Amino acid sequence: MTLKLSAGGGPELPWRKSTYSDSSNSSECVEIAPTPTTIHIRDSKNPGGARLAMAPAAWTAFVGFAARS
C-alpha cells in the first residue's frame, strides 16, 4: 500500500463521514472523499490539516483488513 500526503482536495471534494463514527460526538471521525483515481482521507476535527490519498484498490484492502480486526 502506498500512502501520500494529499496536497489538494479542498472544499470541492465530496467529503463523507464514516457511518461508524461516534454519534455522541460527531466531530470525532474520519472523512473520505472518493474520486475515480484517489481516495482522500482526513480527520474531521482538523479538515484543513494533513490528508492522506491512496488508490481505490489500496483503500479496499485497508477496509477489508480493518473489518477483520
PDB file of N, CA and C in Angstrom:
ATOM      1  N   MET A   1       0.854  -1.167   0.000  1.00  0.00           N
ATOM      2  CA  MET A   1       0.000   0.000   0.000  1.00  0.00           C
ATOM      3  C   MET A   1       0.902   1.231   0.000  1.00  0.00           C
ATOM      4  N   THR A   2       0.553   2.192  -0.810  1.00  0.00           N
ATOM      5  CA  THR A   2       1.299   3.434  -0.873  1.00  0.00           C
ATOM      6  C   THR A   2       0.417   4.564  -0.383  1.00  0.00           C
ATOM      7  N   LEU A   3       0.903   5.309   0.581  1.00  0.00           N
ATOM      8  CA  LEU A   3       0.181   6.460   1.103  1.00  0.00           C
ATOM      9  C   LEU A   3       0.966   7.709   0.756  1.00  0.00           C
ATOM     10  N   LYS A   4       0.282   8.789   0.491  1.00  0.00           N
ATOM     11  CA  LYS A   4       0.952  10.064   0.252  1.00  0.00           C
ATOM     12  C   LYS A   4       0.114  11.171   0.845  1.00  0.00           C
ATOM     13  N   LEU A   5       0.755  12.265   1.180  1.00  0.00           N
ATOM     14  CA  LEU A   5       0.007  13.416   1.655  1.00  0.00           C
ATOM     15  C   LEU A   5      -0.732  14.013   0.473  1.00  0.00           C
ATOM     16  N   SER A   6      -1.956  14.350   0.669  1.00  0.00           N
ATOM     17  CA  SER A   6      -2.764  14.944  -0.391  1.00  0.00           C
ATOM     18  C   SER A   6      -2.596  16.449  -0.371  1.00  0.00           C
ATOM     19  N   ALA A   7      -2.002  16.971  -1.419  1.00  0.00           N
ATOM     20  CA  ALA A   7      -1.770  18.414  -1.484  1.00  0.00           C
ATOM     21  C   ALA A   7      -3.049  19.173  -1.786  1.00  0.00           C
ATOM     22  N   GLY A   8      -3.880  18.609  -2.610  1.00  0.00           N
ATOM     23  CA  GLY A   8      -5.127  19.274  -2.990  1.00  0.00           C
ATOM     24  C   GLY A   8      -6.280  18.790  -2.145  1.00  0.00           C
ATOM     25  N   GLY A   9      -7.457  18.830  -2.724  1.00  0.00           N
ATOM     26  CA  GLY A   9      -8.600  18.290  -2.022  1.00  0.00           C
ATOM     27  C   GLY A   9      -9.277  19.287  -1.126  1.00  0.00           C
ATOM     28  N   GLY A  10      -9.532  20.451  -1.629  1.00  0.00           N
ATOM     29  CA  GLY A  10     -10.213  21.471  -0.861  1.00  0.00           C
ATOM     30  C   GLY A  10     -11.688  21.184  -0.729  1.00  0.00           C
ATOM     31  N   PRO A  11     -12.475  22.210  -0.526  1.00  0.00           N
ATOM     32  CA  PRO A  11     -13.896  22.030  -0.273  1.00  0.00           C
ATOM     33  C   PRO A  11     -14.669  21.467  -1.462  1.00  0.00           C
ATOM     34  N   GLU A  12     -14.070  21.431  -2.651  1.00  0.00           N
ATOM     35  CA  GLU A  12     -14.783  20.910  -3.809  1.00  0.00           C
ATOM     36  C   GLU A  12     -14.915  19.386  -3.786  1.00  0.00           C
ATOM     37  N   LEU A  13     -14.161  18.713  -2.927  1.00  0.00           N
ATOM     38  CA  LEU A  13     -14.267  17.260  -2.835  1.00  0.00           C
ATOM     39  C   LEU A  13     -15.528  16.869  -2.063  1.00  0.00           C
ATOM     40  N   PRO A  14     -16.124  15.737  -2.416  1.00  0.00           N
ATOM     41  CA  PRO A  14     -17.355  15.281  -1.745  1.00  0.00           C
ATOM     42  C   PRO A  14     -17.052  14.536  -0.443  1.00  0.00           C
ATOM     43  N   TRP A  15     -16.710  15.249   0.605  1.00  0.00           N
ATOM     44  CA  TRP A  15     -16.331  14.622   1.870  1.00  0.00           C
ATOM     45  C   TRP A  15     -17.538  13.950   2.525  1.00  0.00           C
ATOM     46  N   ARG A  16     -17.308  12.726   3.048  1.00  0.00           N
ATOM     47  CA  ARG A  16     -18.345  11.971   3.761  1.00  0.00           C
ATOM     48  C   ARG A  16     -17.762  11.445   5.060  1.00  0.00           C
ATOM     49  N   LYS A  17     -18.562  11.512   6.118  1.00  0.00           N
ATOM     50  CA  LYS A  17     -18.131  10.985   7.418  1.00  0.00           C
ATOM     51  C   LYS A  17     -18.401   9.495   7.486  1.00  0.00           C
ATOM     52  N   SER A  18     -17.599   8.812   8.276  1.00  0.00           N
ATOM     53  CA  SER A  18     -17.768   7.388   8.484  1.00  0.00           C
ATOM     54  C   SER A  18     -19.102   7.105   9.171  1.00  0.00           C
ATOM     55  N   THR A  19     -19.770   6.063   8.737  1.00  0.00           N
ATOM     56  CA  THR A  19     -21.015   5.657   9.401  1.00  0.00           C
ATOM     57  C   THR A  19     -20.735   5.010  10.752  1.00  0.00           C
ATOM     58  N   TYR A  20     -19.475   4.688  11.025  1.00  0.00           N
ATOM     59  CA  TYR A  20     -19.093   4.095  12.296  1.00  0.00           C
ATOM     60  C   TYR A  20     -18.596   5.125  13.300  1.00  0.00           C
ATOM     61  N   SER A  21     -18.730   6.399  12.980  1.00  0.00           N
ATOM     62  CA  SER A  21     -18.269   7.431  13.897  1.00  0.00           C
ATOM     63  C   SER A  21     -19.145   7.449  15.144  1.00  0.00           C
ATOM     64  N   ASP A  22     -18.613   7.999  16.192  1.00  0.00           N
ATOM     65  CA  ASP A  22     -19.309   8.075  17.477  1.00  0.00           C
ATOM     66  C   ASP A  22     -20.452   9.079  17.366  1.00  0.00           C
ATOM     67  N   SER A  23     -21.667   8.625  17.445  1.00  0.00           N
ATOM     68  CA  SER A  23     -22.818   9.518  17.282  1.00  0.00           C
ATOM     69  C   SER A  23     -22.951  10.522  18.430  1.00  0.00           C
ATOM     70  N   SER A  24     -22.342  10.245  19.591  1.00  0.00           N
ATOM     71  CA  SER A  24     -22.423  11.186  20.708  1.00  0.00           C
ATOM     72  C   SER A  24     -21.469  12.366  20.522  1.00  0.00           C
ATOM     73  N   ASN A  25     -20.480  12.207  19.638  1.00  0.00           N
ATOM     74  CA  ASN A  25     -19.545  13.297  19.362  1.00  0.00           C
ATOM     75  C   ASN A  25     -19.211  13.244  17.874  1.00  0.00           C
ATOM     76  N   SER A  26     -20.056  13.842  17.070  1.00  0.00           N
ATOM     77  CA  SER A  26     -19.953  13.700  15.618  1.00  0.00           C
ATOM     78  C   SER A  26     -18.713  14.357  15.019  1.00  0.00           C
ATOM     79  N   SER A  27     -17.958  15.112  15.805  1.00  0.00           N
ATOM     80  CA  SER A  27     -16.747  15.735  15.268  1.00  0.00           C
ATOM     81  C   SER A  27     -15.546  14.801  15.320  1.00  0.00           C
ATOM     82  N   GLU A  28     -15.677  13.640  15.947  1.00  0.00           N
ATOM     83  CA  GLU A  28     -14.564  12.713  16.072  1.00  0.00           C
ATOM     84  C   GLU A  28     -14.724  11.541  15.124  1.00  0.00           C
ATOM     85  N   CYS A  29     -14.287  11.742  13.889  1.00  0.00           N
ATOM     86  CA  CYS A  29     -14.360  10.642  12.945  1.00  0.00           C
ATOM     87  C   CYS A  29     -13.463  10.905  11.747  1.00  0.00           C
ATOM     88  N   VAL A  30     -13.385   9.925  10.918  1.00  0.00           N
ATOM     89  CA  VAL A  30     -12.631  10.006   9.678  1.00  0.00           C
ATOM     90  C   VAL A  30     -13.602  10.382   8.567  1.00  0.00           C
ATOM     91  N   GLU A  31     -13.124  11.212   7.651  1.00  0.00           N
ATOM     92  CA  GLU A  31     -13.913  11.557   6.476  1.00  0.00           C
ATOM     93  C   GLU A  31     -13.148  11.107   5.236  1.00  0.00           C
ATOM     94  N   ILE A  32     -13.884  10.672   4.230  1.00  0.00           N
ATOM     95  CA  ILE A  32     -13.257  10.313   2.965  1.00  0.00           C
ATOM     96  C   ILE A  32     -13.924  11.088   1.843  1.00  0.00           C
ATOM     97  N   ALA A  33     -13.161  11.285   0.781  1.00  0.00           N
ATOM     98  CA  ALA A  33     -13.671  11.915  -0.434  1.00  0.00           C
ATOM     99  C   ALA A  33     -13.188  11.072  -1.606  1.00  0.00           C
ATOM    100  N   PRO A  34     -14.046  10.175  -2.098  1.00  0.00           N
ATOM    101  CA  PRO A  34     -13.623   9.323  -3.202  1.00  0.00           C
ATOM    102  C   PRO A  34     -13.687  10.053  -4.546  1.00  0.00           C
ATOM    103  N   THR A  35     -12.683   9.824  -5.365  1.00  0.00           N
ATOM    104  CA  THR A  35     -12.671  10.279  -6.747  1.00  0.00           C
ATOM    105  C   THR A  35     -12.354   9.044  -7.592  1.00  0.00           C
ATOM    106  N   PRO A  36     -12.469   9.121  -8.888  1.00  0.00           N
ATOM    107  CA  PRO A  36     -12.208   7.919  -9.702  1.00  0.00           C
ATOM    108  C   PRO A  36     -10.804   7.324  -9.529  1.00  0.00           C
ATOM    109  N   THR A  37      -9.813   8.141  -9.251  1.00  0.00           N
ATOM    110  CA  THR A  37      -8.442   7.635  -9.166  1.00  0.00           C
ATOM    111  C   THR A  37      -7.838   7.672  -7.771  1.00  0.00           C
ATOM    112  N   THR A  38      -8.489   8.327  -6.817  1.00  0.00           N
ATOM    113  CA  THR A  38      -7.894   8.528  -5.495  1.00  0.00           C
ATOM    114  C   THR A  38      -8.972   8.554  -4.416  1.00  0.00           C
ATOM    115  N   ILE A  39      -8.640   7.980  -3.265  1.00  0.00           N
ATOM    116  CA  ILE A  39      -9.474   8.118  -2.072  1.00  0.00           C
ATOM    117  C   ILE A  39      -8.728   9.076  -1.143  1.00  0.00           C
ATOM    118  N   HIS A  40      -9.338  10.208  -0.843  1.00  0.00           N
ATOM    119  CA  HIS A  40      -8.754  11.207   0.055  1.00  0.00           C
ATOM    120  C   HIS A  40      -9.303  10.956   1.455  1.00  0.00           C
ATOM    121  N   ILE A  41      -8.438  11.068   2.460  1.00  0.00           N
ATOM    122  CA  ILE A  41      -8.820  10.762   3.839  1.00  0.00           C
ATOM    123  C   ILE A  41      -8.345  11.905   4.727  1.00  0.00           C
ATOM    124  N   ARG A  42      -9.215  12.349   5.651  1.00  0.00           N
ATOM    125  CA  ARG A  42      -8.832  13.406   6.587  1.00  0.00           C
ATOM    126  C   ARG A  42      -9.511  13.187   7.936  1.00  0.00           C
ATOM    127  N   ASP A  43      -9.009  13.872   8.933  1.00  0.00           N
ATOM    128  CA  ASP A  43      -9.570  13.865  10.282  1.00  0.00           C
ATOM    129  C   ASP A  43     -10.635  14.961  10.332  1.00  0.00           C
ATOM    130  N   SER A  44     -11.845  14.622  10.687  1.00  0.00           N
ATOM    131  CA  SER A  44     -12.927  15.612  10.694  1.00  0.00           C
ATOM    132  C   SER A  44     -12.698  16.729  11.708  1.00  0.00           C
ATOM    133  N   LYS A  45     -11.881  16.476  12.747  1.00  0.00           N
ATOM    134  CA  LYS A  45     -11.594  17.524  13.732  1.00  0.00           C
ATOM    135  C   LYS A  45     -10.651  18.585  13.180  1.00  0.00           C
ATOM    136  N   ASN A  46      -9.949  18.247  12.085  1.00  0.00           N
ATOM    137  CA  ASN A  46      -8.972  19.164  11.506  1.00  0.00           C
ATOM    138  C   ASN A  46      -9.071  19.108   9.973  1.00  0.00           C
ATOM    139  N   PRO A  47     -10.182  19.579   9.403  1.00  0.00           N
ATOM    140  CA  PRO A  47     -10.393  19.439   7.958  1.00  0.00           C
ATOM    141  C   PRO A  47      -9.362  20.173   7.103  1.00  0.00           C
ATOM    142  N   GLY A  48      -8.688  21.167   7.641  1.00  0.00           N
ATOM    143  CA  GLY A  48      -7.662  21.870   6.890  1.00  0.00           C
ATOM    144  C   GLY A  48      -6.275  21.291   7.094  1.00  0.00           C
ATOM    145  N   GLY A  49      -6.165  20.257   7.907  1.00  0.00           N
ATOM    146  CA  GLY A  49      -4.863  19.671   8.229  1.00  0.00           C
ATOM    147  C   GLY A  49      -4.406  18.655   7.196  1.00  0.00           C
ATOM    148  N   ALA A  50      -3.490  17.826   7.623  1.00  0.00           N
ATOM    149  CA  ALA A  50      -2.905  16.813   6.747  1.00  0.00           C
ATOM    150  C   ALA A  50      -3.971  15.836   6.261  1.00  0.00           C
ATOM    151  N   ARG A  51      -3.772  15.388   5.035  1.00  0.00           N
ATOM    152  CA  ARG A  51      -4.687  14.412   4.432  1.00  0.00           C
ATOM    153  C   ARG A  51      -3.868  13.301   3.806  1.00  0.00           C
ATOM    154  N   LEU A  52      -4.462  12.150   3.735  1.00  0.00           N
ATOM    155  CA  LEU A  52      -3.859  11.030   3.032  1.00  0.00           C
ATOM    156  C   LEU A  52      -4.590  10.842   1.717  1.00  0.00           C
ATOM    157  N   ALA A  53      -3.889  10.271   0.756  1.00  0.00           N
ATOM    158  CA  ALA A  53      -4.509   9.917  -0.517  1.00  0.00           C
ATOM    159  C   ALA A  53      -3.989   8.555  -0.919  1.00  0.00           C
ATOM    160  N   MET A  54      -4.867   7.699  -1.396  1.00  0.00           N
ATOM    161  CA  MET A  54      -4.446   6.366  -1.825  1.00  0.00           C
ATOM    162  C   MET A  54      -5.300   5.905  -2.992  1.00  0.00           C
ATOM    163  N   ALA A  55      -4.792   4.918  -3.687  1.00  0.00           N
ATOM    164  CA  ALA A  55      -5.528   4.341  -4.808  1.00  0.00           C
ATOM    165  C   ALA A  55      -6.753   3.600  -4.275  1.00  0.00           C
ATOM    166  N   PRO A  56      -7.828   3.551  -5.053  1.00  0.00           N
ATOM    167  CA  PRO A  56      -9.023   2.832  -4.604  1.00  0.00           C
ATOM    168  C   PRO A  56      -8.755   1.381  -4.199  1.00  0.00           C
ATOM    169  N   ALA A  57      -7.865   0.683  -4.893  1.00  0.00           N
ATOM    170  CA  ALA A  57      -7.559  -0.709  -4.535  1.00  0.00           C
ATOM    171  C   ALA A  57      -6.909  -0.788  -3.161  1.00  0.00           C
ATOM    172  N   ALA A  58      -6.045   0.165  -2.836  1.00  0.00           N
ATOM    173  CA  ALA A  58      -5.419   0.190  -1.514  1.00  0.00           C
ATOM    174  C   ALA A  58      -6.454   0.469  -0.430  1.00  0.00           C
ATOM    175  N   TRP A  59      -7.399   1.360  -0.704  1.00  0.00           N
ATOM    176  CA  TRP A  59      -8.468   1.663   0.252  1.00  0.00           C
ATOM    177  C   TRP A  59      -9.322   0.417   0.497  1.00  0.00           C
ATOM    178  N   THR A  60      -9.661  -0.282  -0.563  1.00  0.00           N
ATOM    179  CA  THR A  60     -10.457  -1.512  -0.435  1.00  0.00           C
ATOM    180  C   THR A  60      -9.725  -2.532   0.428  1.00  0.00           C
ATOM    181  N   ALA A  61      -8.428  -2.687   0.209  1.00  0.00           N
ATOM    182  CA  ALA A  61      -7.641  -3.624   1.006  1.00  0.00           C
ATOM    183  C   ALA A  61      -7.604  -3.186   2.473  1.00  0.00           C
ATOM    184  N   PHE A  62      -7.439  -1.895   2.723  1.00  0.00           N
ATOM    185  CA  PHE A  62      -7.412  -1.381   4.093  1.00  0.00           C
ATOM    186  C   PHE A  62      -8.748  -1.631   4.796  1.00  0.00           C
ATOM    187  N   VAL A  63      -9.844  -1.312   4.147  1.00  0.00           N
ATOM    188  CA  VAL A  63     -11.161  -1.502   4.756  1.00  0.00           C
ATOM    189  C   VAL A  63     -11.394  -2.981   5.055  1.00  0.00           C
ATOM    190  N   GLY A  64     -11.002  -3.849   4.144  1.00  0.00           N
ATOM    191  CA  GLY A  64     -11.133  -5.280   4.396  1.00  0.00           C
ATOM    192  C   GLY A  64     -10.326  -5.734   5.606  1.00  0.00           C
ATOM    193  N   PHE A  65      -9.101  -5.220   5.730  1.00  0.00           N
ATOM    194  CA  PHE A  65      -8.257  -5.533   6.859  1.00  0.00           C
ATOM    195  C   PHE A  65      -8.878  -5.005   8.157  1.00  0.00           C
ATOM    196  N   ALA A  66      -9.339  -3.754   8.136  1.00  0.00           N
ATOM    197  CA  ALA A  66      -9.924  -3.156   9.337  1.00  0.00           C
ATOM    198  C   ALA A  66     -11.184  -3.891   9.776  1.00  0.00           C
ATOM    199  N   ALA A  67     -11.956  -4.382   8.831  1.00  0.00           N
ATOM    200  CA  ALA A  67     -13.186  -5.112   9.165  1.00  0.00           C
ATOM    201  C   ALA A  67     -12.873  -6.436   9.867  1.00  0.00           C
ATOM    202  N   ARG A  68     -11.740  -7.017   9.549  1.00  0.00           N
ATOM    203  CA  ARG A  68     -11.349  -8.295  10.180  1.00  0.00           C
ATOM    204  C   ARG A  68     -10.709  -8.090  11.550  1.00  0.00           C
ATOM    205  N   SER A  69     -10.259  -6.906  11.835  1.00  0.00           N
ATOM    206  CA  SER A  69      -9.538  -6.638  13.108  1.00  0.00           C
ATOM    207  C   SER A  69     -10.467  -6.403  14.251  1.00  0.00           C
TER     208      SER A  69
END
